[in-house]
Protein backbone atom coordinates (compact mmCIF):
# COMPACT_ATOMS: atom_id res chain seq x y z
CA MET A 1 -7.28 10.29 7.73
CA THR A 2 -10.17 10.26 10.08
CA GLU A 3 -9.69 9.38 13.72
CA THR A 4 -12.35 7.02 14.99
CA LYS A 5 -13.91 8.28 18.22
CA GLY A 6 -14.27 6.07 21.26
CA ASP A 7 -12.14 3.13 20.19
CA GLU A 8 -8.64 1.78 20.77
CA ILE A 9 -7.03 4.03 18.16
CA GLU A 10 -8.19 7.20 19.89
CA GLN A 11 -7.04 5.88 23.28
CA VAL A 12 -3.61 4.94 21.93
CA MET A 13 -3.20 8.31 20.22
CA LYS A 14 -4.01 10.07 23.50
CA LEU A 15 -1.43 7.96 25.32
CA LEU A 16 1.20 8.69 22.67
CA GLY A 17 0.29 12.36 22.43
CA ARG A 18 0.06 12.10 18.64
CA THR A 19 -2.52 12.45 15.93
CA ALA A 20 -3.31 9.45 13.77
CA GLU A 21 -1.42 11.13 10.90
CA GLU A 22 1.71 11.63 13.04
CA GLN A 23 1.60 8.01 14.16
CA CYS A 24 1.10 6.83 10.60
CA LEU A 25 4.23 8.69 9.49
CA ALA A 26 6.24 7.38 12.45
CA SER A 27 5.08 3.82 11.80
CA ALA A 28 5.83 4.08 8.09
CA TYR A 29 9.34 5.31 8.82
CA CYS A 30 9.91 2.43 11.25
CA ALA A 31 8.56 -0.12 8.78
CA ALA A 32 10.83 1.22 6.05
CA THR A 33 13.85 1.11 8.35
CA TYR A 34 13.05 -2.45 9.45
CA SER A 35 12.56 -3.49 5.82
CA TYR A 36 16.02 -2.20 4.97
CA ILE A 37 17.61 -3.94 7.95
CA ILE A 38 15.85 -7.22 7.10
CA HIS A 39 17.08 -6.90 3.51
CA GLU A 40 20.67 -6.27 4.61
CA VAL A 41 20.77 -9.09 7.19
CA LEU A 42 19.22 -11.67 4.86
CA GLY A 43 21.54 -10.55 2.05
CA GLU A 44 24.61 -11.02 4.25
CA GLU A 45 23.39 -14.37 5.55
CA PHE A 46 22.08 -15.95 2.33
CA GLY A 47 23.67 -13.92 -0.45
CA THR A 48 22.28 -10.94 -2.30
CA GLU A 49 19.91 -12.76 -4.66
CA LYS A 50 18.40 -15.22 -2.16
CA GLY A 51 18.35 -12.59 0.60
CA SER A 52 16.48 -10.15 -1.65
CA GLN A 53 13.87 -12.78 -2.50
CA MET A 54 13.35 -13.52 1.19
CA ALA A 55 13.17 -9.83 2.10
CA VAL A 56 10.53 -9.18 -0.57
CA ALA A 57 8.34 -11.83 1.09
CA VAL A 58 8.20 -9.87 4.38
CA PRO A 59 5.77 -7.15 3.15
CA PHE A 60 3.37 -9.85 1.93
CA ALA A 61 3.01 -11.11 5.50
CA PHE A 62 2.31 -7.55 6.66
CA GLY A 63 -0.12 -7.16 3.75
CA GLU A 64 -2.18 -10.15 4.88
CA TRP A 65 -2.35 -8.63 8.34
CA ALA A 66 -3.37 -5.23 6.91
CA ILE A 67 -6.24 -6.85 4.99
CA LYS A 68 -7.50 -8.57 8.15
CA VAL A 69 -7.35 -5.31 10.12
CA ALA A 70 -9.08 -3.35 7.34
CA LEU A 71 -11.87 -5.92 7.07
CA LYS A 72 -12.47 -5.70 10.80
CA GLN A 73 -12.50 -1.89 10.71
CA LEU A 74 -15.14 -1.96 7.96
CA GLY A 75 -17.21 -4.61 9.72
CA LEU A 76 -16.58 -7.30 7.10
CA LYS A 77 -15.76 -10.92 7.86
CA ASP A 78 -14.41 -11.81 4.41
CA ILE A 79 -12.94 -9.91 1.48
CA LYS A 80 -15.52 -11.55 -0.82
CA GLN A 81 -18.25 -9.52 0.95
CA VAL A 82 -17.22 -6.48 -1.12
CA GLU A 83 -20.06 -5.93 -3.56
CA ASP A 84 -19.22 -2.86 -5.63
CA ILE A 85 -16.53 -0.41 -6.72
CA PRO A 86 -17.09 2.18 -3.94
CA ALA A 87 -16.86 -0.52 -1.24
CA MET A 88 -13.75 -1.98 -2.90
CA ALA A 89 -12.10 1.45 -3.02
CA LYS A 90 -12.89 1.98 0.68
CA LEU A 91 -11.39 -1.40 1.59
CA PHE A 92 -8.32 -0.72 -0.58
CA GLN A 93 -7.87 2.66 1.14
CA GLN A 94 -8.19 1.07 4.57
CA VAL A 95 -5.69 -1.69 3.71
CA MET A 96 -3.10 0.81 2.54
CA ASN A 97 -3.68 3.11 5.52
CA THR A 98 -3.22 0.14 7.86
CA PHE A 99 -0.05 -0.82 6.00
CA GLY A 100 1.37 2.64 6.71
CA ASN A 101 0.84 4.15 3.25
CA PRO A 102 -1.98 6.69 3.63
CA CYS A 103 -4.48 6.89 0.77
CA VAL A 104 -7.42 9.12 -0.05
CA ILE A 105 -10.33 8.34 -2.33
CA THR A 106 -10.43 11.24 -4.80
CA GLU A 107 -13.25 9.94 -6.98
CA SER A 108 -15.97 7.37 -6.34
CA SER A 109 -19.01 6.27 -8.32
CA ASN A 110 -20.67 2.97 -9.20
CA ASP A 111 -18.49 2.73 -12.33
CA ARG A 112 -15.15 4.19 -11.23
CA ALA A 113 -13.05 4.96 -8.16
CA VAL A 114 -9.70 6.69 -7.91
CA VAL A 115 -7.47 6.12 -4.88
CA ASP A 116 -4.38 8.28 -4.40
CA LEU A 117 -1.50 7.06 -2.24
CA ILE A 118 -0.24 10.29 -0.71
CA PHE A 119 2.72 8.94 1.28
CA CYS A 120 4.92 5.97 0.46
CA LYS A 121 7.63 4.31 2.51
CA ASN A 122 9.48 3.50 -0.70
CA VAL A 123 9.80 7.16 -1.65
CA MET A 124 11.03 7.98 1.87
CA LEU A 125 13.85 5.50 1.37
CA GLY A 126 14.95 7.53 -1.65
CA VAL A 127 16.62 10.04 0.66
CA GLY A 128 18.64 7.42 2.55
CA PRO A 129 22.26 6.62 1.67
CA TRP A 130 21.48 2.89 1.45
CA ASP A 131 18.90 3.28 -1.29
CA ARG A 132 19.97 4.57 -4.65
CA TYR A 133 16.91 6.25 -6.07
CA ILE A 134 18.19 6.24 -9.63
CA ASP A 135 18.73 2.46 -9.45
CA ARG A 136 15.11 1.97 -8.36
CA VAL A 137 13.88 4.20 -11.20
CA ARG A 138 15.96 2.23 -13.71
CA TYR A 139 14.59 -1.04 -12.32
CA TYR A 140 10.99 0.16 -12.59
CA LYS A 141 11.55 1.43 -16.12
CA GLU A 142 13.15 -1.89 -17.13
CA THR A 143 10.12 -3.78 -15.84
CA GLU A 144 7.88 -1.85 -18.23
CA GLY A 145 6.84 0.80 -15.76
CA SER A 146 4.58 1.09 -12.80
CA PRO A 147 1.98 -1.64 -13.54
CA GLU A 148 4.73 -4.28 -13.32
CA ILE A 149 6.12 -3.45 -9.88
CA GLY A 150 4.81 -5.23 -6.78
CA TYR A 151 2.41 -2.46 -5.78
CA GLY A 152 1.10 -2.21 -9.34
CA LYS A 153 0.46 -5.95 -9.39
CA PHE A 154 -1.40 -5.64 -6.07
CA CYS A 155 -3.59 -2.86 -7.53
CA SER A 156 -4.37 -5.02 -10.59
CA GLU A 157 -5.09 -8.09 -8.48
CA PHE A 158 -7.27 -6.38 -5.84
CA PRO A 159 -10.56 -6.74 -7.79
CA ASN A 160 -9.87 -10.49 -8.11
CA MET A 161 -9.17 -10.73 -4.38
CA CYS A 162 -12.59 -9.16 -3.77
CA GLY A 163 -14.31 -11.56 -6.16
CA LEU A 164 -15.06 -8.74 -8.63
CA GLY A 165 -12.33 -9.50 -11.17
CA ASP A 166 -14.83 -10.47 -13.87
CA LYS A 167 -16.56 -7.06 -13.53
CA VAL A 168 -13.86 -4.60 -12.41
CA ASP A 169 -10.37 -3.69 -13.63
CA GLY A 170 -7.77 -2.25 -11.27
CA LYS A 171 -4.69 -0.42 -12.47
CA LEU A 172 -1.89 1.69 -11.07
CA VAL A 173 -1.94 4.57 -13.54
CA GLN A 174 0.81 6.79 -12.07
CA ILE A 175 3.61 6.29 -9.60
CA MET A 176 5.21 9.08 -7.64
CA CYS A 177 8.80 7.85 -7.48
CA LEU A 178 8.89 7.67 -11.27
CA GLY A 179 7.84 11.31 -11.41
CA GLU A 180 4.52 10.41 -13.05
CA GLY A 181 2.63 12.54 -10.51
CA SER A 182 2.60 13.64 -6.90
CA THR A 183 0.76 10.47 -5.83
CA CYS A 184 0.58 6.81 -6.73
CA ARG A 185 -2.87 6.68 -8.34
CA THR A 186 -4.95 3.52 -8.59
CA VAL A 187 -8.09 3.40 -10.71
CA PHE A 188 -10.82 0.81 -10.31
CA GLU A 189 -13.43 0.84 -13.07
CA THR A 190 -16.14 -1.27 -14.58
CA ARG A 191 -14.75 -3.67 -17.14
CA ARG A 192 -15.78 -2.75 -20.66
């Protein structure tokens, strides 16, 4: 990640005595912990099924916020201002970085962009006693693999959100917690 000079982020990082990467990891860990607590409390209060549905809605609220922050950071007023694949990949990267899941763009051209998620809160939960990694893998496999999970659906929907859905396809092509690779990889490419 690149630290932006002369703005609020740099000032906050100086106050905290951290790099942007260290803060991103700390924030991601906190978000994951809070997500688990929210899930547990709602499950106890409303039952497992209803509580789970309510807990899943929480990241969507954070996601809307992350999009607004990313747009501001890129100097855009609306997501529909994205005009091409490289700009869409940059916005996608910024959204995920803001959400606490750092991404890097590993390939970018007018016809194709590849964005690799290099750290995921979900994978971090795999080491906790409350989260049974094998159960999550089974769930993902039962839902026909990575394109069907929430993040995969977000990757597929992102071109539509940007108003480019008639020209660009988005797809999560590998997911790290299924052992498909060391990153979660999203590919945006011109529709054929």
